[in-house]
Structure formats: C-alpha cells, structure tokens
Amino acid sequence: MRLVRLLTLYLALMTGANATLADTAALQALREGEMKKLVFHAEPRTVSDAAFDLADGAGAATLEDFRGKYVLLNFWATWCAPCRKEMPTLSALQDEFGGDRFAVLTIATGRNSPTGIRKFFDKIGVTNLPRHQDPKQALARDMAVLGLPISVLLDPEGREIARLPGDADWHSDSARAIVAALLASD
C-alpha cells in the first residue's frame, strides 16, 4: 500500500514536469527512511572507465558494458559488516526489478577472495547477483569510493545520477518506489 502511495506522489509531482531537475525533485520526494541518504545529483556525472574482474575468471569489463539500463552499482567487501547486512536486500531488489531495463551490479573491492565471496553468497542464499571484483580498487578509487558500502545509481547512458553512502534496505518501499519511478520515466 505504501508503494502505491509513493508512486501516486511521484506521478502527481511529474504531471507537467518536463526537465531533469523536475524529475530529480520528484525522485527526491520518494526518499524515506534510510533512502534519505540517497543523494540525487543536479546533473548526471561521468563515471570511470577502469576495468574490473568478472566473476569466475570470465575476463574483465567496464561500466560501459552495462549501458542501456539503469544500474545500481554496489561497492562492498566480504569483511564489511554493513555490506553483508544489505546484500540480501540488493538481491531482493534484483529479483523484483532485474531484467533488460534494470540491474544490481555488485563489485567486491579490495582484498576479497573469490572463494570467500562464493561462500558468503552461498551462506545467505544469494544466487542472482554477480560476484565481480575490483581487487586493485582502480574502479573504486576512480569513483571516489572512500568507505564501504557505497551504492551508485547509473542512468541508461551510463552516467551517475545518485549516490548513497553506507548501507540501506534496498528492498524498502521507498527504494522500490524510486526504482519503479525511474523505470516508468522512460
């Protein structure tokens, strides 16, 4: 019910709106609870072109490879307690919205063994999120990740439109309303 109320608020705010700033204001109005930490930028920002390692030794990728959809990019580590706490909520968000237009992209940054990542995901039952790594922290450094976890929202053009420092419930009514509103705006 709360999600319906938040979406109604979004649609009401969007009526007659035609600029990115209006979109940002409407999205900001959907933030409640932990999502208040999600900061939308006035203008989209370019992101790093640094490569990161794909899971299971499948090669390397860059954020450019994920253009064409909204991406919730989450920097985390196996040793980070808040990161471990929020991972199931990221998985639930991916279950609900993941597909051709939205994806949760998890990247373990720093010293995280592939075995440790796999064990952690197995322990909490996460099977739908990638186990990518940024072992030398090149991507994290370029993206100004100064602590963990950090979540960065990318638009379909591959630009950063929002950032949330620290952990959050990414399957809360507010988070789900924000993602639904983004997907409805295209």
Protein backbone atom coordinates (compact mmCIF):
# COMPACT_ATOMS: atom_id res chain seq x y z
CA MET A 1 0.00 0.00 0.00
CA ARG A 2 2.83 2.34 0.88
CA LEU A 3 4.44 1.68 -2.51
CA VAL A 4 1.19 2.68 -4.23
CA ARG A 5 1.09 5.90 -2.19
CA LEU A 6 4.71 6.71 -3.09
CA LEU A 7 4.10 6.04 -6.78
CA THR A 8 0.98 8.21 -6.69
CA LEU A 9 3.07 11.00 -5.17
CA TYR A 10 5.66 10.54 -7.91
CA LEU A 11 3.06 10.70 -10.67
CA ALA A 12 1.48 13.79 -9.13
CA LEU A 13 4.85 15.52 -8.99
CA MET A 14 5.63 14.51 -12.57
CA THR A 15 2.40 15.95 -14.00
CA GLY A 16 3.50 18.85 -16.13
CA ALA A 17 7.18 18.32 -15.35
CA ASN A 18 9.47 18.32 -18.34
CA ALA A 19 13.02 18.84 -17.14
CA THR A 20 15.64 16.68 -15.47
CA LEU A 21 15.50 18.92 -12.40
CA ALA A 22 11.79 18.23 -12.04
CA ASP A 23 12.49 14.50 -12.35
CA THR A 24 15.14 14.78 -9.67
CA ALA A 25 12.79 16.68 -7.35
CA ALA A 26 10.12 14.03 -7.81
CA LEU A 27 12.58 11.23 -7.10
CA GLN A 28 13.86 13.04 -4.02
CA ALA A 29 10.30 13.25 -2.74
CA LEU A 30 10.14 9.43 -2.77
CA ARG A 31 13.04 9.09 -0.32
CA GLU A 32 12.03 7.89 3.13
CA GLY A 33 13.94 6.29 6.00
CA GLU A 34 17.39 5.07 5.01
CA MET A 35 16.78 6.22 1.45
CA LYS A 36 17.08 9.82 2.67
CA LYS A 37 20.85 9.20 2.37
CA LEU A 38 20.42 8.75 -1.41
CA VAL A 39 21.67 12.00 -2.94
CA PHE A 40 20.49 12.79 -6.46
CA HIS A 41 22.86 14.97 -8.46
CA ALA A 42 21.58 18.13 -10.16
CA GLU A 43 23.32 16.95 -13.35
CA PRO A 44 24.43 13.43 -14.32
CA ARG A 45 28.15 12.75 -13.82
CA THR A 46 30.55 10.75 -15.94
CA VAL A 47 31.85 7.52 -14.46
CA SER A 48 35.18 5.73 -14.53
CA ASP A 49 36.30 3.64 -17.45
CA ALA A 50 38.53 1.49 -15.21
CA ALA A 51 38.17 -2.25 -15.74
CA PHE A 52 37.07 -4.71 -13.08
CA ASP A 53 37.25 -8.52 -12.98
CA LEU A 54 34.19 -10.54 -13.92
CA ALA A 55 33.21 -13.44 -11.66
CA ASP A 56 34.81 -16.85 -12.06
CA GLY A 57 37.71 -15.58 -14.17
CA ALA A 58 35.43 -14.70 -17.09
CA GLY A 59 37.60 -11.73 -18.06
CA ALA A 60 37.23 -8.02 -17.46
CA ALA A 61 34.53 -5.43 -18.02
CA THR A 62 33.89 -1.73 -17.59
CA LEU A 63 30.76 0.15 -16.61
CA GLU A 64 30.34 0.99 -20.30
CA ASP A 65 29.37 -2.66 -20.81
CA PHE A 66 26.22 -2.06 -18.75
CA ARG A 67 24.88 0.94 -20.68
CA GLY A 68 21.29 0.78 -21.83
CA LYS A 69 19.72 0.12 -18.45
CA TYR A 70 19.53 1.63 -15.00
CA VAL A 71 22.23 0.10 -12.80
CA LEU A 72 22.51 0.09 -9.04
CA LEU A 73 26.27 -0.29 -8.63
CA ASN A 74 27.20 -1.52 -5.16
CA PHE A 75 30.79 -1.47 -3.88
CA TRP A 76 31.23 -3.90 -0.99
CA ALA A 77 33.66 -6.30 0.72
CA THR A 78 33.35 -9.64 2.49
CA TRP A 79 34.86 -8.20 5.68
CA CYS A 80 32.41 -5.25 5.79
CA ALA A 81 29.56 -5.97 8.24
CA PRO A 82 27.16 -3.31 6.85
CA CYS A 83 27.85 -4.62 3.32
CA ARG A 84 26.94 -8.12 4.42
CA LYS A 85 23.77 -6.82 6.09
CA GLU A 86 22.46 -5.06 2.98
CA MET A 87 23.31 -7.77 0.42
CA PRO A 88 20.01 -9.71 0.85
CA THR A 89 18.05 -6.50 0.19
CA LEU A 90 20.04 -5.90 -3.01
CA SER A 91 19.22 -9.46 -4.03
CA ALA A 92 15.50 -8.89 -3.37
CA LEU A 93 15.60 -5.68 -5.44
CA GLN A 94 17.24 -7.59 -8.31
CA ASP A 95 14.57 -10.31 -8.02
CA GLU A 96 11.80 -7.73 -8.31
CA PHE A 97 13.21 -5.35 -10.94
CA GLY A 98 16.16 -7.07 -12.62
CA GLY A 99 15.95 -7.51 -16.36
CA ASP A 100 16.51 -5.66 -19.60
CA ARG A 101 15.98 -2.22 -18.04
CA PHE A 102 17.47 -2.54 -14.54
CA ALA A 103 20.27 -4.47 -12.83
CA VAL A 104 22.03 -4.59 -9.49
CA LEU A 105 25.78 -4.78 -10.12
CA THR A 106 27.82 -5.83 -7.07
CA ILE A 107 31.57 -5.36 -7.10
CA ALA A 108 33.74 -6.55 -4.21
CA THR A 109 36.55 -4.06 -3.92
CA GLY A 110 39.95 -4.65 -2.35
CA ARG A 111 41.07 -7.95 -0.84
CA ASN A 112 38.22 -10.40 -1.30
CA SER A 113 38.99 -13.94 -2.38
CA PRO A 114 36.68 -15.47 -4.97
CA THR A 115 36.22 -18.41 -2.60
CA GLY A 116 35.25 -16.10 0.26
CA ILE A 117 32.76 -14.25 -1.93
CA ARG A 118 31.24 -17.52 -3.15
CA LYS A 119 30.98 -18.85 0.44
CA PHE A 120 29.31 -15.65 1.62
CA PHE A 121 26.76 -15.67 -1.21
CA ASP A 122 26.07 -19.39 -0.61
CA LYS A 123 25.62 -18.80 3.13
CA ILE A 124 22.96 -16.11 2.63
CA GLY A 125 21.37 -17.81 -0.38
CA VAL A 126 22.15 -15.11 -2.95
CA THR A 127 22.26 -16.61 -6.43
CA ASN A 128 21.11 -13.68 -8.56
CA LEU A 129 23.88 -11.12 -8.03
CA PRO A 130 27.26 -11.01 -9.76
CA ARG A 131 30.44 -11.80 -7.84
CA HIS A 132 32.62 -9.30 -9.72
CA GLN A 133 35.81 -7.93 -8.16
CA ASP A 134 37.92 -4.78 -8.15
CA PRO A 135 40.99 -6.25 -6.40
CA LYS A 136 43.30 -3.29 -7.00
CA GLN A 137 40.49 -0.81 -6.24
CA ALA A 138 41.06 1.03 -9.52
CA LEU A 139 37.35 1.44 -10.23
CA ALA A 140 36.55 2.27 -6.60
CA ARG A 141 39.33 4.86 -6.48
CA ASP A 142 38.19 6.48 -9.74
CA MET A 143 34.60 6.52 -8.46
CA ALA A 144 35.66 8.26 -5.19
CA VAL A 145 34.62 5.33 -3.01
CA LEU A 146 36.03 6.36 0.35
CA GLY A 147 34.21 3.85 2.55
CA LEU A 148 32.06 0.77 2.20
CA PRO A 149 29.39 0.11 1.26
CA ILE A 150 28.69 2.73 -1.39
CA SER A 151 25.83 2.42 -3.87
CA VAL A 152 25.80 4.44 -7.08
CA LEU A 153 22.79 4.74 -9.36
CA LEU A 154 23.61 4.91 -13.07
CA ASP A 155 21.22 6.01 -15.81
CA PRO A 156 20.90 4.13 -19.12
CA GLU A 157 23.52 6.44 -20.65
CA GLY A 158 26.00 5.13 -18.08
CA ARG A 159 26.16 8.32 -16.01
CA GLU A 160 25.99 8.62 -12.23
CA ILE A 161 22.70 10.19 -11.17
CA ALA A 162 22.70 9.43 -7.44
CA ARG A 163 24.85 8.02 -4.63
CA LEU A 164 24.15 6.53 -1.22
CA PRO A 165 26.97 6.19 1.31
CA GLY A 166 26.61 3.40 3.85
CA ASP A 167 24.17 0.53 3.97
CA ALA A 168 20.45 0.70 3.33
CA ASP A 169 17.42 -1.51 2.90
CA TRP A 170 17.32 -1.63 -0.88
CA HIS A 171 14.04 -3.52 -0.82
CA SER A 172 12.20 -0.97 1.31
CA ASP A 173 9.01 0.63 -0.02
CA SER A 174 10.95 3.82 -0.68
CA ALA A 175 13.77 2.14 -2.62
CA ARG A 176 11.30 0.13 -4.67
CA ALA A 177 9.26 3.27 -5.42
CA ILE A 178 12.39 5.06 -6.65
CA VAL A 179 13.35 2.22 -8.98
CA ALA A 180 9.75 1.87 -10.23
CA ALA A 181 9.60 5.62 -10.89
CA LEU A 182 12.88 5.53 -12.83
CA LEU A 183 11.63 2.68 -14.96
CA ALA A 184 8.28 4.43 -15.52
CA SER A 185 10.03 7.62 -16.67
CA ASP A 186 11.46 6.06 -19.84
